[in-house]
Amino acid sequence: MQNVPHQLRGNEIYKVRSIFYSLGDFVMMNNSLDDVPADMYDQLKVEPGSVATPELLRARNEKEFLHPNLYETVIATSSFRDNHLIRIELHPADLGVNDKSASRGVPHIAAPSTAKRILKQI
């Protein structure tokens, strides 16, 4: 497994198997860490101890996790019969890009308009 692009990408059927190039993130809990690695202070050019962890995480999220696509994904299920793919179901999920509380990053079923947009992407 390699690092992923953190956003939903396309899929294809290859030799009767489904390939999902990226399903994005399923849970994004960047706002609920108690401790952060020391190099995060360096990355954000902040002096350790000068801000509280929630403030540091908020600054990081505002810098690196702004795009709504990072908070949209699908739950994919593939069904097989006799070792052959017979169905793929995609269930759009929203990680709450507009949530400002600890619920931001927690997956839930996407609203119909969001679900339509997510499915159009893939």
PDB file of N, CA and C in Angstrom:
ATOM      1  N   MET A   1       0.851  -1.171   0.000  1.00  0.00           N
ATOM      2  CA  MET A   1       0.000   0.000   0.000  1.00  0.00           C
ATOM      3  C   MET A   1       0.892   1.228   0.000  1.00  0.00           C
ATOM      4  N   GLN A   2       0.567   2.166  -0.863  1.00  0.00           N
ATOM      5  CA  GLN A   2       1.324   3.414  -0.936  1.00  0.00           C
ATOM      6  C   GLN A   2       0.490   4.550  -0.377  1.00  0.00           C
ATOM      7  N   ASN A   3       1.125   5.683  -0.240  1.00  0.00           N
ATOM      8  CA  ASN A   3       0.405   6.872   0.164  1.00  0.00           C
ATOM      9  C   ASN A   3      -0.662   7.193  -0.877  1.00  0.00           C
ATOM     10  N   VAL A   4      -1.798   7.664  -0.444  1.00  0.00           N
ATOM     11  CA  VAL A   4      -2.907   7.929  -1.357  1.00  0.00           C
ATOM     12  C   VAL A   4      -3.104   9.437  -1.520  1.00  0.00           C
ATOM     13  N   PRO A   5      -3.838   9.846  -2.568  1.00  0.00           N
ATOM     14  CA  PRO A   5      -4.023  11.279  -2.805  1.00  0.00           C
ATOM     15  C   PRO A   5      -5.055  11.946  -1.891  1.00  0.00           C
ATOM     16  N   HIS A   6      -5.654  11.221  -0.957  1.00  0.00           N
ATOM     17  CA  HIS A   6      -6.619  11.773  -0.008  1.00  0.00           C
ATOM     18  C   HIS A   6      -7.875  12.330  -0.672  1.00  0.00           C
ATOM     19  N   GLN A   7      -8.128  11.928  -1.901  1.00  0.00           N
ATOM     20  CA  GLN A   7      -9.375  12.332  -2.541  1.00  0.00           C
ATOM     21  C   GLN A   7      -9.842  11.242  -3.494  1.00  0.00           C
ATOM     22  N   LEU A   8     -11.117  11.263  -3.757  1.00  0.00           N
ATOM     23  CA  LEU A   8     -11.744  10.267  -4.601  1.00  0.00           C
ATOM     24  C   LEU A   8     -11.202  10.355  -6.017  1.00  0.00           C
ATOM     25  N   ARG A   9     -10.850   9.202  -6.564  1.00  0.00           N
ATOM     26  CA  ARG A   9     -10.383   9.113  -7.955  1.00  0.00           C
ATOM     27  C   ARG A   9     -11.228   8.080  -8.679  1.00  0.00           C
ATOM     28  N   GLY A  10     -10.975   7.894  -9.935  1.00  0.00           N
ATOM     29  CA  GLY A  10     -11.763   7.006 -10.773  1.00  0.00           C
ATOM     30  C   GLY A  10     -11.557   5.529 -10.479  1.00  0.00           C
ATOM     31  N   ASN A  11     -12.289   4.730 -11.227  1.00  0.00           N
ATOM     32  CA  ASN A  11     -12.163   3.283 -11.119  1.00  0.00           C
ATOM     33  C   ASN A  11     -12.298   2.682 -12.506  1.00  0.00           C
ATOM     34  N   GLU A  12     -11.947   1.424 -12.637  1.00  0.00           N
ATOM     35  CA  GLU A  12     -12.119   0.719 -13.899  1.00  0.00           C
ATOM     36  C   GLU A  12     -12.273  -0.776 -13.627  1.00  0.00           C
ATOM     37  N   ILE A  13     -12.783  -1.456 -14.607  1.00  0.00           N
ATOM     38  CA  ILE A  13     -12.872  -2.911 -14.561  1.00  0.00           C
ATOM     39  C   ILE A  13     -11.736  -3.439 -15.423  1.00  0.00           C
ATOM     40  N   TYR A  14     -10.890  -4.272 -14.829  1.00  0.00           N
ATOM     41  CA  TYR A  14      -9.745  -4.853 -15.530  1.00  0.00           C
ATOM     42  C   TYR A  14      -9.741  -6.347 -15.272  1.00  0.00           C
ATOM     43  N   LYS A  15      -9.805  -7.121 -16.338  1.00  0.00           N
ATOM     44  CA  LYS A  15      -9.839  -8.591 -16.229  1.00  0.00           C
ATOM     45  C   LYS A  15     -10.900  -9.028 -15.213  1.00  0.00           C
ATOM     46  N   VAL A  16     -12.100  -8.508 -15.398  1.00  0.00           N
ATOM     47  CA  VAL A  16     -13.286  -8.781 -14.568  1.00  0.00           C
ATOM     48  C   VAL A  16     -13.069  -8.516 -13.079  1.00  0.00           C
ATOM     49  N   ARG A  17     -12.199  -7.605 -12.754  1.00  0.00           N
ATOM     50  CA  ARG A  17     -11.983  -7.177 -11.371  1.00  0.00           C
ATOM     51  C   ARG A  17     -12.074  -5.654 -11.327  1.00  0.00           C
ATOM     52  N   SER A  18     -12.531  -5.144 -10.206  1.00  0.00           N
ATOM     53  CA  SER A  18     -12.638  -3.690 -10.068  1.00  0.00           C
ATOM     54  C   SER A  18     -11.347  -3.127  -9.473  1.00  0.00           C
ATOM     55  N   ILE A  19     -10.924  -2.014 -10.041  1.00  0.00           N
ATOM     56  CA  ILE A  19      -9.766  -1.285  -9.529  1.00  0.00           C
ATOM     57  C   ILE A  19     -10.251   0.103  -9.144  1.00  0.00           C
ATOM     58  N   PHE A  20     -10.071   0.457  -7.880  1.00  0.00           N
ATOM     59  CA  PHE A  20     -10.394   1.790  -7.400  1.00  0.00           C
ATOM     60  C   PHE A  20      -9.071   2.507  -7.170  1.00  0.00           C
ATOM     61  N   TYR A  21      -8.841   3.577  -7.908  1.00  0.00           N
ATOM     62  CA  TYR A  21      -7.553   4.247  -7.829  1.00  0.00           C
ATOM     63  C   TYR A  21      -7.373   5.020  -6.527  1.00  0.00           C
ATOM     64  N   SER A  22      -8.446   5.482  -5.965  1.00  0.00           N
ATOM     65  CA  SER A  22      -8.421   6.049  -4.623  1.00  0.00           C
ATOM     66  C   SER A  22      -9.860   6.263  -4.179  1.00  0.00           C
ATOM     67  N   LEU A  23     -10.162   5.821  -2.985  1.00  0.00           N
ATOM     68  CA  LEU A  23     -11.472   6.074  -2.404  1.00  0.00           C
ATOM     69  C   LEU A  23     -11.404   7.267  -1.448  1.00  0.00           C
ATOM     70  N   GLY A  24     -10.269   7.934  -1.428  1.00  0.00           N
ATOM     71  CA  GLY A  24     -10.111   9.092  -0.555  1.00  0.00           C
ATOM     72  C   GLY A  24      -9.933   8.666   0.884  1.00  0.00           C
ATOM     73  N   ASP A  25     -10.315   9.539   1.782  1.00  0.00           N
ATOM     74  CA  ASP A  25     -10.224   9.252   3.210  1.00  0.00           C
ATOM     75  C   ASP A  25     -11.598   8.859   3.721  1.00  0.00           C
ATOM     76  N   PHE A  26     -11.640   7.905   4.618  1.00  0.00           N
ATOM     77  CA  PHE A  26     -12.915   7.504   5.197  1.00  0.00           C
ATOM     78  C   PHE A  26     -13.166   8.215   6.520  1.00  0.00           C
ATOM     79  N   VAL A  27     -12.131   8.500   7.246  1.00  0.00           N
ATOM     80  CA  VAL A  27     -12.238   9.240   8.505  1.00  0.00           C
ATOM     81  C   VAL A  27     -11.094  10.242   8.512  1.00  0.00           C
ATOM     82  N   MET A  28     -11.398  11.470   8.877  1.00  0.00           N
ATOM     83  CA  MET A  28     -10.363  12.499   8.939  1.00  0.00           C
ATOM     84  C   MET A  28     -10.510  13.215  10.274  1.00  0.00           C
ATOM     85  N   MET A  29      -9.751  12.783  11.238  1.00  0.00           N
ATOM     86  CA  MET A  29      -9.885  13.329  12.591  1.00  0.00           C
ATOM     87  C   MET A  29      -8.702  14.218  12.967  1.00  0.00           C
ATOM     88  N   ASN A  30      -8.309  15.086  12.057  1.00  0.00           N
ATOM     89  CA  ASN A  30      -7.180  15.976  12.305  1.00  0.00           C
ATOM     90  C   ASN A  30      -7.434  16.983  13.416  1.00  0.00           C
ATOM     91  N   ASN A  31      -8.696  17.187  13.744  1.00  0.00           N
ATOM     92  CA  ASN A  31      -9.010  18.199  14.745  1.00  0.00           C
ATOM     93  C   ASN A  31      -9.113  17.644  16.153  1.00  0.00           C
ATOM     94  N   SER A  32      -8.794  16.359  16.340  1.00  0.00           N
ATOM     95  CA  SER A  32      -8.996  15.767  17.662  1.00  0.00           C
ATOM     96  C   SER A  32      -7.733  15.125  18.244  1.00  0.00           C
ATOM     97  N   LEU A  33      -6.582  15.498  17.747  1.00  0.00           N
ATOM     98  CA  LEU A  33      -5.338  14.947  18.276  1.00  0.00           C
ATOM     99  C   LEU A  33      -4.970  15.632  19.589  1.00  0.00           C
ATOM    100  N   ASP A  34      -4.455  14.862  20.511  1.00  0.00           N
ATOM    101  CA  ASP A  34      -3.987  15.445  21.771  1.00  0.00           C
ATOM    102  C   ASP A  34      -2.543  15.926  21.662  1.00  0.00           C
ATOM    103  N   ASP A  35      -1.754  15.180  20.922  1.00  0.00           N
ATOM    104  CA  ASP A  35      -0.347  15.522  20.734  1.00  0.00           C
ATOM    105  C   ASP A  35      -0.048  15.539  19.246  1.00  0.00           C
ATOM    106  N   VAL A  36       0.905  16.337  18.867  1.00  0.00           N
ATOM    107  CA  VAL A  36       1.318  16.404  17.471  1.00  0.00           C
ATOM    108  C   VAL A  36       2.824  16.181  17.395  1.00  0.00           C
ATOM    109  N   PRO A  37       3.304  15.660  16.272  1.00  0.00           N
ATOM    110  CA  PRO A  37       4.746  15.449  16.139  1.00  0.00           C
ATOM    111  C   PRO A  37       5.492  16.789  16.114  1.00  0.00           C
ATOM    112  N   ALA A  38       6.694  16.778  16.592  1.00  0.00           N
ATOM    113  CA  ALA A  38       7.498  18.004  16.684  1.00  0.00           C
ATOM    114  C   ALA A  38       7.706  18.660  15.320  1.00  0.00           C
ATOM    115  N   ASP A  39       7.833  17.852  14.262  1.00  0.00           N
ATOM    116  CA  ASP A  39       8.083  18.445  12.950  1.00  0.00           C
ATOM    117  C   ASP A  39       6.891  19.228  12.405  1.00  0.00           C
ATOM    118  N   MET A  40       5.695  19.027  12.982  1.00  0.00           N
ATOM    119  CA  MET A  40       4.548  19.808  12.533  1.00  0.00           C
ATOM    120  C   MET A  40       4.753  21.286  12.853  1.00  0.00           C
ATOM    121  N   TYR A  41       5.382  21.582  13.992  1.00  0.00           N
ATOM    122  CA  TYR A  41       5.684  22.969  14.338  1.00  0.00           C
ATOM    123  C   TYR A  41       6.615  23.576  13.292  1.00  0.00           C
ATOM    124  N   ASP A  42       7.615  22.788  12.875  1.00  0.00           N
ATOM    125  CA  ASP A  42       8.544  23.257  11.846  1.00  0.00           C
ATOM    126  C   ASP A  42       7.823  23.502  10.525  1.00  0.00           C
ATOM    127  N   GLN A  43       6.961  22.558  10.130  1.00  0.00           N
ATOM    128  CA  GLN A  43       6.243  22.685   8.861  1.00  0.00           C
ATOM    129  C   GLN A  43       5.389  23.942   8.816  1.00  0.00           C
ATOM    130  N   LEU A  44       4.779  24.275   9.948  1.00  0.00           N
ATOM    131  CA  LEU A  44       3.896  25.446  10.002  1.00  0.00           C
ATOM    132  C   LEU A  44       4.610  26.713  10.463  1.00  0.00           C
ATOM    133  N   LYS A  45       5.930  26.578  10.688  1.00  0.00           N
ATOM    134  CA  LYS A  45       6.752  27.720  11.125  1.00  0.00           C
ATOM    135  C   LYS A  45       6.197  28.359  12.402  1.00  0.00           C
ATOM    136  N   VAL A  46       5.942  27.489  13.373  1.00  0.00           N
ATOM    137  CA  VAL A  46       5.408  27.923  14.661  1.00  0.00           C
ATOM    138  C   VAL A  46       6.369  27.464  15.750  1.00  0.00           C
ATOM    139  N   GLU A  47       6.616  28.304  16.709  1.00  0.00           N
ATOM    140  CA  GLU A  47       7.495  27.978  17.834  1.00  0.00           C
ATOM    141  C   GLU A  47       6.762  27.026  18.785  1.00  0.00           C
ATOM    142  N   PRO A  48       7.360  25.852  19.094  1.00  0.00           N
ATOM    143  CA  PRO A  48       6.716  24.921  20.040  1.00  0.00           C
ATOM    144  C   PRO A  48       6.389  25.620  21.356  1.00  0.00           C
ATOM    145  N   GLY A  49       5.178  25.370  21.846  1.00  0.00           N
ATOM    146  CA  GLY A  49       4.737  25.969  23.092  1.00  0.00           C
ATOM    147  C   GLY A  49       4.095  27.338  22.932  1.00  0.00           C
ATOM    148  N   SER A  50       4.172  27.917  21.746  1.00  0.00           N
ATOM    149  CA  SER A  50       3.601  29.257  21.553  1.00  0.00           C
ATOM    150  C   SER A  50       2.100  29.223  21.275  1.00  0.00           C
ATOM    151  N   VAL A  51       1.584  28.063  20.891  1.00  0.00           N
ATOM    152  CA  VAL A  51       0.141  27.909  20.657  1.00  0.00           C
ATOM    153  C   VAL A  51      -0.307  26.574  21.244  1.00  0.00           C
ATOM    154  N   ALA A  52      -1.576  26.480  21.569  1.00  0.00           N
ATOM    155  CA  ALA A  52      -2.145  25.226  22.053  1.00  0.00           C
ATOM    156  C   ALA A  52      -2.341  24.280  20.872  1.00  0.00           C
ATOM    157  N   THR A  53      -2.383  22.988  21.150  1.00  0.00           N
ATOM    158  CA  THR A  53      -2.527  21.985  20.096  1.00  0.00           C
ATOM    159  C   THR A  53      -3.756  22.233  19.218  1.00  0.00           C
ATOM    160  N   PRO A  54      -4.940  22.531  19.774  1.00  0.00           N
ATOM    161  CA  PRO A  54      -6.089  22.786  18.896  1.00  0.00           C
ATOM    162  C   PRO A  54      -5.872  23.950  17.925  1.00  0.00           C
ATOM    163  N   GLU A  55      -5.174  25.002  18.394  1.00  0.00           N
ATOM    164  CA  GLU A  55      -4.892  26.133  17.509  1.00  0.00           C
ATOM    165  C   GLU A  55      -3.937  25.731  16.386  1.00  0.00           C
ATOM    166  N   LEU A  56      -2.943  24.933  16.721  1.00  0.00           N
ATOM    167  CA  LEU A  56      -1.992  24.459  15.719  1.00  0.00           C
ATOM    168  C   LEU A  56      -2.704  23.596  14.683  1.00  0.00           C
ATOM    169  N   LEU A  57      -3.572  22.695  15.148  1.00  0.00           N
ATOM    170  CA  LEU A  57      -4.306  21.830  14.226  1.00  0.00           C
ATOM    171  C   LEU A  57      -5.251  22.637  13.348  1.00  0.00           C
ATOM    172  N   ARG A  58      -5.900  23.634  13.901  1.00  0.00           N
ATOM    173  CA  ARG A  58      -6.799  24.488  13.117  1.00  0.00           C
ATOM    174  C   ARG A  58      -6.010  25.188  12.006  1.00  0.00           C
ATOM    175  N   ALA A  59      -4.827  25.699  12.332  1.00  0.00           N
ATOM    176  CA  ALA A  59      -3.985  26.361  11.333  1.00  0.00           C
ATOM    177  C   ALA A  59      -3.569  25.372  10.246  1.00  0.00           C
ATOM    178  N   ARG A  60      -3.204  24.160  10.649  1.00  0.00           N
ATOM    179  CA  ARG A  60      -2.811  23.135   9.669  1.00  0.00           C
ATOM    180  C   ARG A  60      -3.980  22.774   8.774  1.00  0.00           C
ATOM    181  N   ASN A  61      -5.151  22.563   9.363  1.00  0.00           N
ATOM    182  CA  ASN A  61      -6.325  22.181   8.575  1.00  0.00           C
ATOM    183  C   ASN A  61      -6.717  23.283   7.598  1.00  0.00           C
ATOM    184  N   GLU A  62      -6.629  24.531   8.037  1.00  0.00           N
ATOM    185  CA  GLU A  62      -6.973  25.640   7.154  1.00  0.00           C
ATOM    186  C   GLU A  62      -5.982  25.772   6.007  1.00  0.00           C
ATOM    187  N   LYS A  63      -4.774  25.343   6.232  1.00  0.00           N
ATOM    188  CA  LYS A  63      -3.749  25.425   5.190  1.00  0.00           C
ATOM    189  C   LYS A  63      -3.810  24.228   4.235  1.00  0.00           C
ATOM    190  N   GLU A  64      -3.997  23.028   4.773  1.00  0.00           N
ATOM    191  CA  GLU A  64      -3.840  21.818   3.967  1.00  0.00           C
ATOM    192  C   GLU A  64      -5.127  21.060   3.649  1.00  0.00           C
ATOM    193  N   PHE A  65      -6.194  21.302   4.375  1.00  0.00           N
ATOM    194  CA  PHE A  65      -7.398  20.496   4.202  1.00  0.00           C
ATOM    195  C   PHE A  65      -8.630  21.353   3.940  1.00  0.00           C
ATOM    196  N   LEU A  66      -8.519  22.303   3.032  1.00  0.00           N
ATOM    197  CA  LEU A  66      -9.635  23.202   2.744  1.00  0.00           C
ATOM    198  C   LEU A  66     -10.587  22.683   1.671  1.00  0.00           C
ATOM    199  N   HIS A  67     -10.078  21.976   0.690  1.00  0.00           N
ATOM    200  CA  HIS A  67     -10.887  21.614  -0.469  1.00  0.00           C
ATOM    201  C   HIS A  67     -11.982  20.614  -0.095  1.00  0.00           C
ATOM    202  N   PRO A  68     -13.228  20.890  -0.467  1.00  0.00           N
ATOM    203  CA  PRO A  68     -14.332  19.980  -0.134  1.00  0.00           C
ATOM    204  C   PRO A  68     -14.142  18.554  -0.635  1.00  0.00           C
ATOM    205  N   ASN A  69     -13.418  18.370  -1.742  1.00  0.00           N
ATOM    206  CA  ASN A  69     -13.195  17.014  -2.265  1.00  0.00           C
ATOM    207  C   ASN A  69     -12.495  16.106  -1.256  1.00  0.00           C
ATOM    208  N   LEU A  70     -11.749  16.693  -0.344  1.00  0.00           N
ATOM    209  CA  LEU A  70     -11.038  15.898   0.653  1.00  0.00           C
ATOM    210  C   LEU A  70     -11.988  15.310   1.689  1.00  0.00           C
ATOM    211  N   TYR A  71     -13.221  15.782   1.716  1.00  0.00           N
ATOM    212  CA  TYR A  71     -14.208  15.332   2.700  1.00  0.00           C
ATOM    213  C   TYR A  71     -15.336  14.537   2.052  1.00  0.00           C
ATOM    214  N   GLU A  72     -15.092  14.012   0.857  1.00  0.00           N
ATOM    215  CA  GLU A  72     -16.097  13.226   0.151  1.00  0.00           C
ATOM    216  C   GLU A  72     -15.481  11.907  -0.270  1.00  0.00           C
ATOM    217  N   THR A  73     -16.248  10.834  -0.131  1.00  0.00           N
ATOM    218  CA  THR A  73     -15.760   9.510  -0.476  1.00  0.00           C
ATOM    219  C   THR A  73     -16.927   8.603  -0.833  1.00  0.00           C
ATOM    220  N   VAL A  74     -16.632   7.390  -1.159  1.00  0.00           N
ATOM    221  CA  VAL A  74     -17.660   6.369  -1.336  1.00  0.00           C
ATOM    222  C   VAL A  74     -17.240   5.115  -0.580  1.00  0.00           C
ATOM    223  N   ILE A  75     -18.232   4.403  -0.142  1.00  0.00           N
ATOM    224  CA  ILE A  75     -18.005   3.059   0.385  1.00  0.00           C
ATOM    225  C   ILE A  75     -18.361   2.129  -0.767  1.00  0.00           C
ATOM    226  N   ALA A  76     -17.396   1.376  -1.227  1.00  0.00           N
ATOM    227  CA  ALA A  76     -17.602   0.511  -2.389  1.00  0.00           C
ATOM    228  C   ALA A  76     -17.745  -0.940  -1.951  1.00  0.00           C
ATOM    229  N   THR A  77     -18.744  -1.600  -2.496  1.00  0.00           N
ATOM    230  CA  THR A  77     -18.895  -3.038  -2.264  1.00  0.00           C
ATOM    231  C   THR A  77     -18.940  -3.724  -3.623  1.00  0.00           C
ATOM    232  N   SER A  78     -18.201  -4.781  -3.742  1.00  0.00           N
ATOM    233  CA  SER A  78     -18.174  -5.569  -4.974  1.00  0.00           C
ATOM    234  C   SER A  78     -18.752  -6.942  -4.679  1.00  0.00           C
ATOM    235  N   SER A  79     -19.609  -7.412  -5.569  1.00  0.00           N
ATOM    236  CA  SER A  79     -20.204  -8.742  -5.421  1.00  0.00           C
ATOM    237  C   SER A  79     -19.692  -9.643  -6.538  1.00  0.00           C
ATOM    238  N   PHE A  80     -19.376 -10.881  -6.163  1.00  0.00           N
ATOM    239  CA  PHE A  80     -18.847 -11.847  -7.117  1.00  0.00           C
ATOM    240  C   PHE A  80     -19.691 -13.114  -7.094  1.00  0.00           C
ATOM    241  N   ARG A  81     -19.776 -13.755  -8.243  1.00  0.00           N
ATOM    242  CA  ARG A  81     -20.391 -15.073  -8.340  1.00  0.00           C
ATOM    243  C   ARG A  81     -19.469 -15.924  -9.214  1.00  0.00           C
ATOM    244  N   ASP A  82     -19.110 -17.069  -8.702  1.00  0.00           N
ATOM    245  CA  ASP A  82     -18.190 -17.961  -9.423  1.00  0.00           C
ATOM    246  C   ASP A  82     -16.921 -17.221  -9.857  1.00  0.00           C
ATOM    247  N   ASN A  83     -16.413 -16.410  -8.923  1.00  0.00           N
ATOM    248  CA  ASN A  83     -15.170 -15.670  -9.142  1.00  0.00           C
ATOM    249  C   ASN A  83     -15.277 -14.603 -10.237  1.00  0.00           C
ATOM    250  N   HIS A  84     -16.490 -14.186 -10.574  1.00  0.00           N
ATOM    251  CA  HIS A  84     -16.700 -13.133 -11.562  1.00  0.00           C
ATOM    252  C   HIS A  84     -17.459 -11.977 -10.921  1.00  0.00           C
ATOM    253  N   LEU A  85     -17.016 -10.790 -11.226  1.00  0.00           N
ATOM    254  CA  LEU A  85     -17.667  -9.593 -10.724  1.00  0.00           C
ATOM    255  C   LEU A  85     -19.067  -9.490 -11.316  1.00  0.00           C
ATOM    256  N   ILE A  86     -20.060  -9.345 -10.464  1.00  0.00           N
ATOM    257  CA  ILE A  86     -21.427  -9.204 -10.972  1.00  0.00           C
ATOM    258  C   ILE A  86     -22.048  -7.846 -10.611  1.00  0.00           C
ATOM    259  N   ARG A  87     -21.493  -7.164  -9.606  1.00  0.00           N
ATOM    260  CA  ARG A  87     -22.081  -5.880  -9.218  1.00  0.00           C
ATOM    261  C   ARG A  87     -21.092  -5.088  -8.365  1.00  0.00           C
ATOM    262  N   ILE A  88     -21.124  -3.780  -8.586  1.00  0.00           N
ATOM    263  CA  ILE A  88     -20.406  -2.830  -7.733  1.00  0.00           C
ATOM    264  C   ILE A  88     -21.439  -1.829  -7.238  1.00  0.00           C
ATOM    265  N   GLU A  89     -21.466  -1.611  -5.939  1.00  0.00           N
ATOM    266  CA  GLU A  89     -22.343  -0.600  -5.357  1.00  0.00           C
ATOM    267  C   GLU A  89     -21.463   0.476  -4.729  1.00  0.00           C
ATOM    268  N   LEU A  90     -21.815   1.716  -4.990  1.00  0.00           N
ATOM    269  CA  LEU A  90     -21.085   2.847  -4.443  1.00  0.00           C
ATOM    270  C   LEU A  90     -22.034   3.637  -3.541  1.00  0.00           C
ATOM    271  N   HIS A  91     -21.637   3.793  -2.287  1.00  0.00           N
ATOM    272  CA  HIS A  91     -22.445   4.502  -1.294  1.00  0.00           C
ATOM    273  C   HIS A  91     -21.718   5.800  -0.934  1.00  0.00           C
ATOM    274  N   PRO A  92     -22.188   6.942  -1.443  1.00  0.00           N
ATOM    275  CA  PRO A  92     -21.511   8.215  -1.169  1.00  0.00           C
ATOM    276  C   PRO A  92     -21.540   8.584   0.312  1.00  0.00           C
ATOM    277  N   ALA A  93     -20.407   9.060   0.800  1.00  0.00           N
ATOM    278  CA  ALA A  93     -20.293   9.495   2.195  1.00  0.00           C
ATOM    279  C   ALA A  93     -19.671  10.886   2.239  1.00  0.00           C
ATOM    280  N   ASP A  94     -20.105  11.648   3.224  1.00  0.00           N
ATOM    281  CA  ASP A  94     -19.647  13.015   3.431  1.00  0.00           C
ATOM    282  C   ASP A  94     -18.973  13.059   4.806  1.00  0.00           C
ATOM    283  N   LEU A  95     -17.788  13.644   4.864  1.00  0.00           N
ATOM    284  CA  LEU A  95     -17.055  13.737   6.126  1.00  0.00           C
ATOM    285  C   LEU A  95     -17.274  15.070   6.843  1.00  0.00           C
ATOM    286  N   GLY A  96     -18.265  15.825   6.410  1.00  0.00           N
ATOM    287  CA  GLY A  96     -18.627  17.050   7.126  1.00  0.00           C
ATOM    288  C   GLY A  96     -17.687  18.213   6.928  1.00  0.00           C
ATOM    289  N   VAL A  97     -17.390  18.560   5.683  1.00  0.00           N
ATOM    290  CA  VAL A  97     -16.472  19.668   5.409  1.00  0.00           C
ATOM    291  C   VAL A  97     -16.945  20.968   6.050  1.00  0.00           C
ATOM    292  N   ASN A  98     -18.237  21.146   6.194  1.00  0.00           N
ATOM    293  CA  ASN A  98     -18.766  22.396   6.764  1.00  0.00           C
ATOM    294  C   ASN A  98     -18.934  22.344   8.275  1.00  0.00           C
ATOM    295  N   ASP A  99     -18.701  21.189   8.877  1.00  0.00           N
ATOM    296  CA  ASP A  99     -18.801  21.083  10.330  1.00  0.00           C
ATOM    297  C   ASP A  99     -17.617  21.798  10.969  1.00  0.00           C
ATOM    298  N   LYS A 100     -17.872  22.500  12.022  1.00  0.00           N
ATOM    299  CA  LYS A 100     -16.801  23.242  12.711  1.00  0.00           C
ATOM    300  C   LYS A 100     -16.418  22.580  14.033  1.00  0.00           C
ATOM    301  N   SER A 101     -17.119  21.541  14.412  1.00  0.00           N
ATOM    302  CA  SER A 101     -16.864  20.907  15.704  1.00  0.00           C
ATOM    303  C   SER A 101     -16.068  19.616  15.515  1.00  0.00           C
ATOM    304  N   ALA A 102     -16.034  18.825  16.562  1.00  0.00           N
ATOM    305  CA  ALA A 102     -15.312  17.548  16.515  1.00  0.00           C
ATOM    306  C   ALA A 102     -15.947  16.569  15.541  1.00  0.00           C
ATOM    307  N   SER A 103     -17.155  16.846  15.071  1.00  0.00           N
ATOM    308  CA  SER A 103     -17.796  15.942  14.112  1.00  0.00           C
ATOM    309  C   SER A 103     -17.235  16.097  12.697  1.00  0.00           C
ATOM    310  N   ARG A 104     -16.436  17.140  12.478  1.00  0.00           N
ATOM    311  CA  ARG A 104     -15.797  17.293  11.166  1.00  0.00           C
ATOM    312  C   ARG A 104     -14.827  16.133  10.965  1.00  0.00           C
ATOM    313  N   GLY A 105     -15.008  15.443   9.857  1.00  0.00           N
ATOM    314  CA  GLY A 105     -14.163  14.292   9.556  1.00  0.00           C
ATOM    315  C   GLY A 105     -14.805  12.958   9.876  1.00  0.00           C
ATOM    316  N   VAL A 106     -15.989  12.985  10.493  1.00  0.00           N
ATOM    317  CA  VAL A 106     -16.709  11.754  10.813  1.00  0.00           C
ATOM    318  C   VAL A 106     -17.645  11.432   9.642  1.00  0.00           C
ATOM    319  N   PRO A 107     -17.557  10.236   9.072  1.00  0.00           N
ATOM    320  CA  PRO A 107     -18.373   9.924   7.892  1.00  0.00           C
ATOM    321  C   PRO A 107     -19.853   9.756   8.215  1.00  0.00           C
ATOM    322  N   HIS A 108     -20.679  10.220   7.277  1.00  0.00           N
ATOM    323  CA  HIS A 108     -22.115   9.971   7.333  1.00  0.00           C
ATOM    324  C   HIS A 108     -22.648   9.911   5.898  1.00  0.00           C
ATOM    325  N   ILE A 109     -23.830   9.368   5.729  1.00  0.00           N
ATOM    326  CA  ILE A 109     -24.430   9.255   4.403  1.00  0.00           C
ATOM    327  C   ILE A 109     -24.566  10.652   3.808  1.00  0.00           C
ATOM    328  N   ALA A 110     -24.133  10.796   2.569  1.00  0.00           N
ATOM    329  CA  ALA A 110     -24.169  12.101   1.916  1.00  0.00           C
ATOM    330  C   ALA A 110     -25.597  12.507   1.575  1.00  0.00           C
ATOM    331  N   ALA A 111     -25.878  13.797   1.691  1.00  0.00           N
ATOM    332  CA  ALA A 111     -27.167  14.353   1.267  1.00  0.00           C
ATOM    333  C   ALA A 111     -27.329  14.106  -0.236  1.00  0.00           C
ATOM    334  N   PRO A 112     -28.562  14.037  -0.732  1.00  0.00           N
ATOM    335  CA  PRO A 112     -28.779  13.721  -2.149  1.00  0.00           C
ATOM    336  C   PRO A 112     -27.985  14.579  -3.135  1.00  0.00           C
ATOM    337  N   SER A 113     -27.919  15.889  -2.928  1.00  0.00           N
ATOM    338  CA  SER A 113     -27.177  16.736  -3.872  1.00  0.00           C
ATOM    339  C   SER A 113     -25.675  16.459  -3.804  1.00  0.00           C
ATOM    340  N   THR A 114     -25.164  16.229  -2.602  1.00  0.00           N
ATOM    341  CA  THR A 114     -23.748  15.895  -2.435  1.00  0.00           C
ATOM    342  C   THR A 114     -23.466  14.517  -3.013  1.00  0.00           C
ATOM    343  N   ALA A 115     -24.344  13.572  -2.776  1.00  0.00           N
ATOM    344  CA  ALA A 115     -24.172  12.212  -3.302  1.00  0.00           C
ATOM    345  C   ALA A 115     -24.101  12.222  -4.823  1.00  0.00           C
ATOM    346  N   LYS A 116     -24.948  13.007  -5.445  1.00  0.00           N
ATOM    347  CA  LYS A 116     -24.956  13.097  -6.910  1.00  0.00           C
ATOM    348  C   LYS A 116     -23.618  13.633  -7.413  1.00  0.00           C
ATOM    349  N   ARG A 117     -23.104  14.674  -6.759  1.00  0.00           N
ATOM    350  CA  ARG A 117     -21.818  15.253  -7.151  1.00  0.00           C
ATOM    351  C   ARG A 117     -20.679  14.246  -6.960  1.00  0.00           C
ATOM    352  N   ILE A 118     -20.704  13.523  -5.839  1.00  0.00           N
ATOM    353  CA  ILE A 118     -19.662  12.535  -5.560  1.00  0.00           C
ATOM    354  C   ILE A 118     -19.669  11.445  -6.626  1.00  0.00           C
ATOM    355  N   LEU A 119     -20.843  10.927  -6.945  1.00  0.00           N
ATOM    356  CA  LEU A 119     -20.945   9.849  -7.934  1.00  0.00           C
ATOM    357  C   LEU A 119     -20.535  10.327  -9.323  1.00  0.00           C
ATOM    358  N   LYS A 120     -20.776  11.586  -9.624  1.00  0.00           N
ATOM    359  CA  LYS A 120     -20.370  12.133 -10.922  1.00  0.00           C
ATOM    360  C   LYS A 120     -18.843  12.162 -11.030  1.00  0.00           C
ATOM    361  N   GLN A 121     -18.154  12.398  -9.915  1.00  0.00           N
ATOM    362  CA  GLN A 121     -16.691  12.424  -9.892  1.00  0.00           C
ATOM    363  C   GLN A 121     -16.084  11.088 -10.287  1.00  0.00           C
ATOM    364  N   ILE A 122     -16.675  10.028  -9.763  1.00  0.00           N
ATOM    365  CA  ILE A 122     -16.067   8.713  -9.964  1.00  0.00           C
ATOM    366  C   ILE A 122     -16.550   8.090 -11.257  1.00  0.00           C
TER     367      ILE A 122
END
